[in-house]
């Protein structure tokens, strides 16, 4: 087994507002071969299989997992917490044998596995059924047998590849109701794994809170609705007049919150709003602009213009990721429009040099594309992966996903450390957006923890030194 080389190690750092978690270690890109163990499988019944090691000894503490409409079958070794795949074993006849392939290790007891066909979640290694709602790449699932709700992290997939992720239990509510704000004043309300019937709903603002009426009866309070970060899942509180925030809310136009001159502020425009850093009255640094009914750009700004690393998410499911200049993609990037992905070098928003993306018939290493000087997909034996642009065989810009589902999107330096501009999303929903230097938060940046509590300002060596909120 190859030795995984660690590139950098970030210390756990803190500031006066409490401890801020540091991102974990990134692997060094290396070309590797598929992980083929010495295990064998044999079909011993209509739907039963036997796994044996190199000595012919049967593995006894194993569990068959959902095949998710695939012809291959995953098995969990509960002793080692490794997951093995029986390739194309489903439609074979009794007595058929084959080699086993390891596809995951260090699997927790609460986990989700998914591909583009299906999703299956397990609590304490037990499969649990229930209704769920998709929120971006996650699912919010209600498990009736446990009367609990969970987040299935990054479970939405668009490829047939096997994905394993964490299952996180949500804070308990009196009736398993949760909400999250999307853009502006739009929101999603989920009860027992289903969105509610919005035709029965009316709402009323009360300070920073939102009162939700069901059939004209006050039923829920969405605490901090107007100040909470987007896509932060929160429990819906049962309506109680004593809990309602009656403080007047901010004005609805112009600079409605913070410092829109030299700091962090929110500014409402006729077509949407901007929430981010300002310098001399212009958008500068990290910020998000949300256009009403159109989409949103999240990334770097220079002199009121989208410039540097950023991502545009269209409400029509379009996607533009990469290097921006003068408000358009200029440099390396990739887009998704009309159900088609395009990758390569862009000029004034148009693709000028296309990069091909192809399978390399590998399970680990550079499994797709060109991981030397173009666009590729790298997978490590420990479950980490990176998709994006490479320069001289090193990571340059893209998305790094850790085996525990933490992920980073942005630039890397020559030592494969997070650098320049990037976004780190922790599996517990904490997030940092902003500037990096040598793997640490450094410069203007925004952080919020799993409860949506924000820390915004100028960072130095991982510590917030100049708060702007």
Protein backbone atom coordinates (compact mmCIF):
# COMPACT_ATOMS: atom_id res chain seq x y z
CA UNK A 1 0.00 0.00 0.00
CA UNK A 2 1.41 3.37 -0.93
CA UNK A 3 2.39 5.82 1.76
CA UNK A 4 0.19 8.90 1.85
CA UNK A 5 2.35 12.00 2.08
CA UNK A 6 0.96 14.81 4.13
CA UNK A 7 1.57 18.26 2.75
CA UNK A 8 0.68 20.52 5.59
CA UNK A 9 -0.77 20.51 9.04
CA UNK A 10 -2.94 23.30 10.37
CA UNK A 11 -3.02 24.02 14.07
CA UNK A 12 -6.30 24.43 15.92
CA UNK A 13 -6.54 28.11 16.56
CA UNK A 14 -8.89 30.31 18.52
CA UNK A 15 -9.92 33.89 19.06
CA UNK A 16 -11.88 35.86 21.59
CA UNK A 17 -15.19 34.66 20.17
CA UNK A 18 -14.41 30.99 20.71
CA UNK A 19 -12.57 28.22 18.96
CA UNK A 20 -12.64 28.14 15.17
CA UNK A 21 -11.86 24.71 13.67
CA UNK A 22 -8.92 24.39 11.29
CA UNK A 23 -9.24 22.44 8.03
CA UNK A 24 -7.70 18.95 7.96
CA UNK A 25 -4.66 17.79 6.00
CA UNK A 26 -4.56 17.52 2.20
CA UNK A 27 -2.90 14.60 0.40
CA UNK A 28 -0.13 15.03 -2.13
CA UNK A 29 -1.23 14.08 -5.67
CA UNK A 30 0.29 10.76 -6.72
CA UNK A 31 -0.51 8.36 -9.52
CA UNK A 32 -1.72 5.14 -7.92
CA UNK A 33 -3.12 1.83 -9.04
CA UNK A 34 -6.56 0.43 -8.19
CA UNK A 35 -6.90 -1.02 -4.71
CA UNK A 36 -7.35 -4.76 -5.24
CA UNK A 37 -7.25 -6.83 -2.10
CA UNK A 38 -6.64 -10.57 -1.84
CA UNK A 39 -10.24 -11.20 -0.82
CA UNK A 40 -12.49 -13.41 -2.94
CA UNK A 41 -16.26 -13.65 -3.19
CA UNK A 42 -18.52 -16.56 -4.05
CA UNK A 43 -22.25 -16.61 -4.66
CA UNK A 44 -23.74 -19.24 -2.34
CA UNK A 45 -27.47 -18.52 -2.72
CA UNK A 46 -29.99 -16.54 -4.70
CA UNK A 47 -28.97 -13.36 -2.89
CA UNK A 48 -26.22 -14.60 -0.59
CA UNK A 49 -22.47 -14.26 -0.94
CA UNK A 50 -19.42 -15.48 0.93
CA UNK A 51 -16.20 -13.48 1.38
CA UNK A 52 -12.91 -15.25 2.07
CA UNK A 53 -9.34 -14.05 2.66
CA UNK A 54 -6.14 -15.27 1.00
CA UNK A 55 -6.10 -18.30 3.30
CA UNK A 56 -9.61 -19.29 2.36
CA UNK A 57 -10.98 -18.25 5.77
CA UNK A 58 -14.53 -16.97 5.64
CA UNK A 59 -15.18 -13.44 6.88
CA UNK A 60 -18.02 -13.70 9.39
CA UNK A 61 -18.58 -10.19 10.69
CA UNK A 62 -19.76 -8.70 7.40
CA UNK A 63 -22.95 -6.93 6.37
CA UNK A 64 -24.47 -6.67 2.91
CA UNK A 65 -25.37 -3.08 2.02
CA UNK A 66 -27.82 -1.69 -0.50
CA UNK A 67 -26.64 -2.08 -4.10
CA UNK A 68 -28.53 1.08 -5.14
CA UNK A 69 -29.84 -0.42 -8.40
CA UNK A 70 -26.29 -1.34 -9.40
CA UNK A 71 -25.15 -4.79 -10.53
CA UNK A 72 -22.26 -4.55 -8.05
CA UNK A 73 -22.81 -5.29 -4.36
CA UNK A 74 -21.12 -3.54 -1.41
CA UNK A 75 -20.27 -5.37 1.79
CA UNK A 76 -19.20 -3.82 5.09
CA UNK A 77 -16.55 -5.57 7.18
CA UNK A 78 -17.80 -4.47 10.60
CA UNK A 79 -14.53 -5.48 12.27
CA UNK A 80 -12.22 -3.31 10.12
CA UNK A 81 -14.89 -0.76 9.04
CA UNK A 82 -13.79 -1.26 5.43
CA UNK A 83 -16.26 -1.48 2.55
CA UNK A 84 -15.70 -3.99 -0.23
CA UNK A 85 -17.36 -4.21 -3.62
CA UNK A 86 -18.36 -7.38 -5.41
CA UNK A 87 -18.19 -6.17 -9.03
CA UNK A 88 -21.10 -7.22 -11.28
CA UNK A 89 -22.11 -9.95 -8.82
CA UNK A 90 -25.89 -9.35 -8.76
CA UNK A 91 -26.98 -11.29 -11.86
CA UNK A 92 -24.46 -14.11 -11.58
CA UNK A 93 -25.40 -17.74 -11.01
CA UNK A 94 -24.84 -19.64 -7.77
CA UNK A 95 -21.23 -20.81 -7.54
CA UNK A 96 -19.76 -17.83 -9.40
CA UNK A 97 -16.57 -16.42 -7.85
CA UNK A 98 -14.61 -13.21 -8.28
CA UNK A 99 -12.18 -10.75 -6.75
CA UNK A 100 -13.24 -8.23 -4.12
CA UNK A 101 -12.31 -4.54 -4.45
CA UNK A 102 -11.91 -2.22 -1.45
CA UNK A 103 -13.78 1.04 -2.05
CA UNK A 104 -13.84 2.72 1.37
CA UNK A 105 -12.31 2.52 4.85
CA UNK A 106 -12.89 3.98 8.32
CA UNK A 107 -16.64 4.02 7.77
CA UNK A 108 -18.57 5.44 10.76
CA UNK A 109 -21.62 3.60 12.10
CA UNK A 110 -23.94 6.40 10.95
CA UNK A 111 -23.44 6.79 7.21
CA UNK A 112 -25.07 7.30 3.85
CA UNK A 113 -24.19 5.67 0.57
CA UNK A 114 -25.47 6.96 -2.74
CA UNK A 115 -25.05 7.12 -6.48
CA UNK A 116 -27.13 8.77 -9.19
CA UNK A 117 -29.77 6.05 -8.89
CA UNK A 118 -30.56 5.82 -5.18
CA UNK A 119 -29.71 6.87 -1.63
CA UNK A 120 -29.53 4.63 1.45
CA UNK A 121 -28.79 5.73 5.01
CA UNK A 122 -27.73 3.70 8.04
CA UNK A 123 -27.91 4.55 11.75
CA UNK A 124 -25.70 2.41 13.97
CA UNK A 125 -25.19 0.16 10.89
CA UNK A 126 -28.96 -0.39 10.56
CA UNK A 127 -30.72 0.63 7.35
CA UNK A 128 -33.41 3.18 8.15
CA UNK A 129 -36.20 4.13 5.76
CA UNK A 130 -38.00 7.46 5.72
CA UNK A 131 -38.99 10.48 3.65
CA UNK A 132 -36.41 13.07 2.67
CA UNK A 133 -36.04 16.41 0.92
CA UNK A 134 -33.09 17.45 -1.20
CA UNK A 135 -31.36 20.73 -0.25
CA UNK A 136 -28.57 21.47 -2.75
CA UNK A 137 -26.29 18.40 -2.49
CA UNK A 138 -27.64 17.25 0.89
CA UNK A 139 -30.82 15.48 1.97
CA UNK A 140 -32.88 16.17 5.09
CA UNK A 141 -34.38 12.84 6.16
CA UNK A 142 -36.96 11.89 8.76
CA UNK A 143 -36.65 8.40 10.29
CA UNK A 144 -40.06 7.39 11.72
CA UNK A 145 -38.67 4.39 13.59
CA UNK A 146 -36.46 6.72 15.66
CA UNK A 147 -38.66 9.84 15.49
CA UNK A 148 -35.54 11.79 14.51
CA UNK A 149 -34.34 13.86 11.57
CA UNK A 150 -30.92 13.74 9.94
CA UNK A 151 -28.77 15.49 7.35
CA UNK A 152 -27.34 13.16 4.68
CA UNK A 153 -24.23 15.09 3.70
CA UNK A 154 -23.40 15.40 -0.04
CA UNK A 155 -25.66 12.44 -0.81
CA UNK A 156 -27.01 13.87 -4.07
CA UNK A 157 -24.87 12.47 -6.87
CA UNK A 158 -24.91 12.85 -10.65
CA UNK A 159 -22.59 9.93 -11.42
CA UNK A 160 -22.77 6.17 -10.94
CA UNK A 161 -19.73 6.24 -8.64
CA UNK A 162 -20.24 5.04 -5.06
CA UNK A 163 -20.30 7.79 -2.47
CA UNK A 164 -20.06 7.36 1.28
CA UNK A 165 -20.86 10.27 3.58
CA UNK A 166 -21.77 11.23 7.09
CA UNK A 167 -25.22 11.19 8.62
CA UNK A 168 -25.70 13.96 11.18
CA UNK A 169 -28.61 14.04 13.61
CA UNK A 170 -30.40 17.38 13.72
CA UNK A 171 -31.33 19.08 16.96
CA UNK A 172 -34.65 17.77 18.24
CA UNK A 173 -37.85 19.75 17.69
CA UNK A 174 -41.31 19.11 19.06
CA UNK A 175 -42.62 17.86 15.68
CA UNK A 176 -39.50 17.33 13.49
CA UNK A 177 -39.89 20.65 11.66
CA UNK A 178 -36.90 22.51 10.25
CA UNK A 179 -36.26 25.49 8.02
CA UNK A 180 -33.50 27.14 6.08
CA UNK A 181 -33.27 30.38 4.18
CA UNK A 182 -32.19 30.21 0.54
CA UNK A 183 -31.88 33.60 -1.21
CA UNK A 184 -33.33 36.87 0.02
CA UNK A 185 -36.49 36.09 1.97
CA UNK A 186 -37.08 32.72 0.31
CA UNK A 187 -37.05 29.68 2.56
CA UNK A 188 -37.64 25.94 2.69
CA UNK A 189 -39.77 24.48 5.48
CA UNK A 190 -39.49 20.74 6.12
CA UNK A 191 -41.67 18.65 8.42
CA UNK A 192 -41.04 14.93 8.89
CA UNK A 193 -38.99 14.71 5.71
CA UNK A 194 -41.44 16.57 3.46
CA UNK A 195 -41.91 20.19 2.47
CA UNK A 196 -45.12 21.63 3.85
CA UNK A 197 -48.09 22.69 1.75
CA UNK A 198 -47.14 26.31 1.13
CA UNK A 199 -50.64 27.14 -0.10
CA UNK A 200 -51.79 26.99 3.54
CA UNK A 201 -48.98 29.27 4.74
CA UNK A 202 -48.84 32.99 5.43
CA UNK A 203 -45.97 34.76 7.16
CA UNK A 204 -45.40 37.89 9.20
CA UNK A 205 -42.18 39.65 10.10
CA UNK A 206 -41.44 40.39 13.74
CA UNK A 207 -38.06 42.05 14.18
CA UNK A 208 -35.43 39.59 12.98
CA UNK A 209 -37.87 36.67 13.26
CA UNK A 210 -40.52 35.30 10.91
CA UNK A 211 -43.88 34.04 12.15
CA UNK A 212 -45.33 31.17 10.10
CA UNK A 213 -49.11 30.87 10.10
CA UNK A 214 -50.76 27.62 9.04
CA UNK A 215 -54.35 28.19 7.92
CA UNK A 216 -54.13 31.69 9.46
CA UNK A 217 -53.08 30.32 12.86
CA UNK A 218 -49.63 31.29 14.25
CA UNK A 219 -47.82 27.96 14.38
CA UNK A 220 -44.05 28.40 14.16
CA UNK A 221 -41.32 30.96 14.85
CA UNK A 222 -38.27 31.07 12.58
CA UNK A 223 -35.79 32.70 14.97
CA UNK A 224 -33.25 35.05 13.43
CA UNK A 225 -34.71 34.63 9.94
CA UNK A 226 -33.47 37.99 8.66
CA UNK A 227 -29.94 37.66 10.05
CA UNK A 228 -29.17 33.96 9.64
CA UNK A 229 -26.73 32.80 6.94
CA UNK A 230 -28.26 31.15 3.87
CA UNK A 231 -28.64 27.35 3.86
CA UNK A 232 -28.20 27.03 7.61
CA UNK A 233 -30.64 24.39 8.86
CA UNK A 234 -32.47 25.49 11.98
CA UNK A 235 -35.24 23.94 14.10
CA UNK A 236 -38.67 25.53 13.79
CA UNK A 237 -39.90 26.66 17.19
CA UNK A 238 -43.47 26.11 18.30
CA UNK A 239 -45.23 29.46 18.35
CA UNK A 240 -45.14 31.16 21.72
CA UNK A 241 -45.84 34.89 21.93
CA UNK A 242 -43.23 35.27 24.67
CA UNK A 243 -40.49 34.10 22.25
CA UNK A 244 -41.27 36.61 19.50
CA UNK A 245 -38.66 39.28 18.74
CA UNK A 246 -40.49 42.61 18.52
CA UNK A 247 -37.42 44.75 17.77
CA UNK A 248 -37.97 46.80 14.59
CA UNK A 249 -36.23 45.34 11.52
CA UNK A 250 -33.87 47.25 9.26
CA UNK A 251 -34.84 49.47 6.35
CA UNK A 252 -35.66 47.69 3.10
CA UNK A 253 -33.41 49.69 0.76
CA UNK A 254 -29.85 50.96 0.59
CA UNK A 255 -27.36 49.84 3.24
CA UNK A 256 -29.63 47.84 5.51
CA UNK A 257 -26.98 46.27 7.71
CA UNK A 258 -23.38 46.84 8.72
CA UNK A 259 -20.80 49.12 7.12
CA UNK A 260 -21.19 49.53 3.35
CA UNK A 261 -18.27 51.97 3.09
CA UNK A 262 -15.22 50.28 4.65
CA UNK A 263 -16.28 47.06 6.33
CA UNK A 264 -18.87 44.32 6.01
CA UNK A 265 -22.40 45.26 5.04
CA UNK A 266 -25.59 44.32 3.26
CA UNK A 267 -26.93 46.60 0.55
CA UNK A 268 -30.36 46.17 -1.06
CA UNK A 269 -30.72 47.00 -4.75
CA UNK A 270 -33.76 47.04 -7.01
CA UNK A 271 -32.80 43.67 -8.53
CA UNK A 272 -31.40 41.95 -5.44
CA UNK A 273 -28.83 42.52 -2.72
CA UNK A 274 -25.11 42.28 -1.93
CA UNK A 275 -23.77 40.96 1.36
CA UNK A 276 -20.00 41.19 1.80
CA UNK A 277 -16.89 43.32 2.19
CA UNK A 278 -16.64 46.97 1.09
CA UNK A 279 -13.77 49.38 0.51
CA UNK A 280 -14.28 53.09 -0.22
CA UNK A 281 -17.96 52.43 -0.86
CA UNK A 282 -17.33 49.70 -3.44
CA UNK A 283 -17.59 45.93 -3.28
CA UNK A 284 -14.11 44.64 -2.55
CA UNK A 285 -13.07 41.21 -1.27
CA UNK A 286 -15.33 38.26 -0.60
CA UNK A 287 -19.06 38.83 -1.06
CA UNK A 288 -22.29 37.39 -2.42
CA UNK A 289 -24.70 39.11 -4.81
CA UNK A 290 -28.16 37.56 -5.09
CA UNK A 291 -30.28 38.60 -8.06
CA UNK A 292 -34.02 38.23 -7.54
CA UNK A 293 -35.30 35.32 -9.63
CA UNK A 294 -32.01 34.87 -11.48
CA UNK A 295 -29.14 33.47 -9.43
CA UNK A 296 -26.25 34.37 -7.21
CA UNK A 297 -22.50 35.00 -7.44
CA UNK A 298 -20.31 34.06 -4.49
CA UNK A 299 -16.66 35.01 -4.61
CA UNK A 300 -14.16 37.84 -4.93
CA UNK A 301 -14.89 41.42 -6.00
CA UNK A 302 -12.64 44.27 -7.08
CA UNK A 303 -13.97 47.82 -7.46
CA UNK A 304 -17.63 46.76 -7.66
CA UNK A 305 -16.89 44.02 -10.24
CA UNK A 306 -16.77 40.24 -10.05
CA UNK A 307 -13.03 39.65 -10.25
CA UNK A 308 -10.85 36.75 -9.07
CA UNK A 309 -12.07 33.36 -7.89
CA UNK A 310 -15.85 32.96 -7.80
CA UNK A 311 -18.89 30.85 -8.59
CA UNK A 312 -22.19 31.80 -10.21
CA UNK A 313 -25.19 29.59 -9.41
CA UNK A 314 -28.15 30.17 -11.72
CA UNK A 315 -31.72 29.54 -10.58
CA UNK A 316 -32.11 27.70 -13.91
CA UNK A 317 -29.52 25.13 -12.72
CA UNK A 318 -26.67 26.70 -14.70
CA UNK A 319 -23.23 26.95 -13.14
CA UNK A 320 -20.08 29.03 -13.77
CA UNK A 321 -16.97 28.32 -11.72
CA UNK A 322 -13.46 29.72 -11.95
CA UNK A 323 -11.43 32.83 -12.57
CA UNK A 324 -13.33 36.08 -13.24
CA UNK A 325 -12.30 39.45 -14.62
CA UNK A 326 -14.51 42.41 -15.51
CA UNK A 327 -17.62 40.51 -14.50
CA UNK A 328 -17.06 37.49 -16.79
CA UNK A 329 -15.13 34.22 -16.74
CA UNK A 330 -11.60 35.05 -17.87
CA UNK A 331 -9.08 32.31 -17.21
CA UNK A 332 -9.51 28.72 -16.12
CA UNK A 333 -13.05 27.61 -15.37
CA UNK A 334 -15.90 25.24 -16.05
CA UNK A 335 -19.59 25.72 -16.74
CA UNK A 336 -22.80 23.75 -16.85
CA UNK A 337 -25.47 25.00 -19.26
CA UNK A 338 -28.09 23.20 -21.34
CA UNK A 339 -27.20 19.97 -19.49
CA UNK A 340 -23.62 20.15 -20.82
CA UNK A 341 -20.33 20.56 -18.93
CA UNK A 342 -17.54 22.61 -20.49
CA UNK A 343 -14.04 22.88 -19.01
CA UNK A 344 -10.99 24.85 -20.02
CA UNK A 345 -9.71 28.35 -20.66
CA UNK A 346 -12.30 31.15 -20.93
CA UNK A 347 -12.10 34.61 -22.47
CA UNK A 348 -14.85 37.20 -21.89
CA UNK A 349 -17.23 34.47 -20.75
CA UNK A 350 -16.70 32.22 -23.76
CA UNK A 351 -14.74 28.96 -23.88
CA UNK A 352 -11.59 29.58 -25.96
CA UNK A 353 -9.59 26.38 -25.21
CA UNK A 354 -11.52 23.23 -24.28
CA UNK A 355 -10.08 20.60 -21.91
CA UNK A 356 -11.22 17.05 -22.51
CA UNK A 357 -12.47 15.00 -19.56
CA UNK A 358 -12.18 11.24 -19.97
CA UNK A 359 -12.05 8.11 -17.82
CA UNK A 360 -8.64 6.54 -17.15
CA UNK A 361 -9.98 3.11 -16.07
CA UNK A 362 -8.65 3.47 -12.53
CA UNK A 363 -10.25 3.28 -9.11
CA UNK A 364 -7.65 5.52 -7.42
CA UNK A 365 -5.05 7.99 -8.60
CA UNK A 366 -5.96 10.10 -11.61
CA UNK A 367 -9.24 8.34 -12.39
CA UNK A 368 -10.40 10.88 -15.00
CA UNK A 369 -8.93 13.61 -17.17
CA UNK A 370 -5.43 15.11 -17.14
CA UNK A 371 -3.99 15.51 -13.62
CA UNK A 372 -0.77 17.04 -14.87
CA UNK A 373 -1.54 20.36 -16.57
CA UNK A 374 -5.25 20.47 -17.39
CA UNK A 375 -8.47 19.28 -15.73
CA UNK A 376 -8.69 16.00 -13.83
CA UNK A 377 -10.24 13.96 -11.07
CA UNK A 378 -7.90 12.50 -8.43
CA UNK A 379 -8.96 9.90 -5.84
CA UNK A 380 -6.92 8.70 -2.87
CA UNK A 381 -7.11 5.34 -1.12
CA UNK A 382 -8.31 6.99 2.12
CA UNK A 383 -11.45 8.34 0.40
CA UNK A 384 -10.27 11.92 -0.29
CA UNK A 385 -10.77 13.30 -3.80
CA UNK A 386 -10.05 16.40 -5.89
CA UNK A 387 -11.65 17.59 -9.11
CA UNK A 388 -10.32 20.64 -10.86
CA UNK A 389 -7.31 22.16 -12.54
CA UNK A 390 -3.71 20.98 -12.19
CA UNK A 391 -0.41 22.70 -12.94
CA UNK A 392 2.81 20.69 -13.13
CA UNK A 393 1.08 17.81 -11.38
CA UNK A 394 -0.05 19.82 -8.36
CA UNK A 395 -3.44 21.08 -7.34
CA UNK A 396 -4.15 24.56 -8.71
CA UNK A 397 -7.86 25.36 -8.42
CA UNK A 398 -10.90 23.19 -7.78
CA UNK A 399 -12.78 21.23 -5.14
CA UNK A 400 -11.08 18.97 -2.59
CA UNK A 401 -13.47 16.64 -0.73
CA UNK A 402 -12.22 14.86 2.39
CA UNK A 403 -13.37 11.36 3.30
CA UNK A 404 -15.42 12.83 6.17
CA UNK A 405 -17.18 15.17 3.65
CA UNK A 406 -15.41 18.37 4.69
CA UNK A 407 -14.65 20.18 1.43
CA UNK A 408 -12.66 23.12 0.10
CA UNK A 409 -13.25 25.04 -3.14
CA UNK A 410 -10.64 27.49 -4.32
CA UNK A 411 -6.94 28.00 -5.02
CA UNK A 412 -3.89 26.06 -3.82
CA UNK A 413 -0.25 27.14 -3.61
CA UNK A 414 2.84 25.25 -4.80
CA UNK A 415 2.82 23.19 -1.58
CA UNK A 416 -0.84 22.19 -2.12
CA UNK A 417 -1.99 24.39 0.77
CA UNK A 418 -5.21 26.40 0.59
CA UNK A 419 -4.19 29.82 -0.69
CA UNK A 420 -5.43 33.12 -2.15
CA UNK A 421 -9.23 32.79 -2.28
CA UNK A 422 -11.34 29.84 -1.20
CA UNK A 423 -14.29 28.41 0.68
CA UNK A 424 -14.00 25.67 3.31
CA UNK A 425 -17.23 23.89 4.30
CA UNK A 426 -17.10 21.70 7.42
CA UNK A 427 -19.38 18.69 7.67
CA UNK A 428 -21.14 20.25 10.69
CA UNK A 429 -22.23 23.19 8.44
CA UNK A 430 -19.54 25.58 9.70
CA UNK A 431 -18.02 27.53 6.80
CA UNK A 432 -15.19 29.94 6.02
CA UNK A 433 -15.20 32.14 2.91
CA UNK A 434 -12.34 34.48 2.13
CA UNK A 435 -8.61 34.92 1.83
CA UNK A 436 -5.98 32.28 2.69
CA UNK A 437 -2.20 32.25 3.02
CA UNK A 438 -0.26 28.99 3.32
CA UNK A 439 -3.27 27.02 4.50
CA UNK A 440 -4.56 29.50 7.11
CA UNK A 441 -7.34 32.08 7.18
CA UNK A 442 -5.48 35.27 6.30
CA UNK A 443 -7.00 38.55 5.10
CA UNK A 444 -10.67 39.49 4.74
CA UNK A 445 -12.85 36.53 5.60
CA UNK A 446 -16.27 35.38 6.77
CA UNK A 447 -16.85 32.47 9.17
CA UNK A 448 -19.97 31.04 10.75
CA UNK A 449 -20.29 28.01 13.00
CA UNK A 450 -22.85 25.21 12.83
CA UNK A 451 -25.41 27.41 14.60
CA UNK A 452 -24.95 30.30 12.17
CA UNK A 453 -22.97 32.47 14.62
CA UNK A 454 -20.77 34.73 12.51
CA UNK A 455 -17.18 35.99 12.83
CA UNK A 456 -16.32 38.50 10.11
CA UNK A 457 -13.32 40.70 9.49
CA UNK A 458 -9.58 40.57 8.88
CA UNK A 459 -7.75 37.36 9.84
CA UNK A 460 -4.06 36.76 10.44
CA UNK A 461 -2.49 33.29 10.70
CA UNK A 462 -5.89 31.77 11.39
CA UNK A 463 -6.98 34.30 14.02
CA UNK A 464 -9.59 37.05 13.66
CA UNK A 465 -7.61 40.20 14.48
CA UNK A 466 -9.97 42.96 13.23
CA UNK A 467 -13.67 42.15 13.70
CA UNK A 468 -16.02 43.96 11.32
CA UNK A 469 -19.27 42.85 12.92
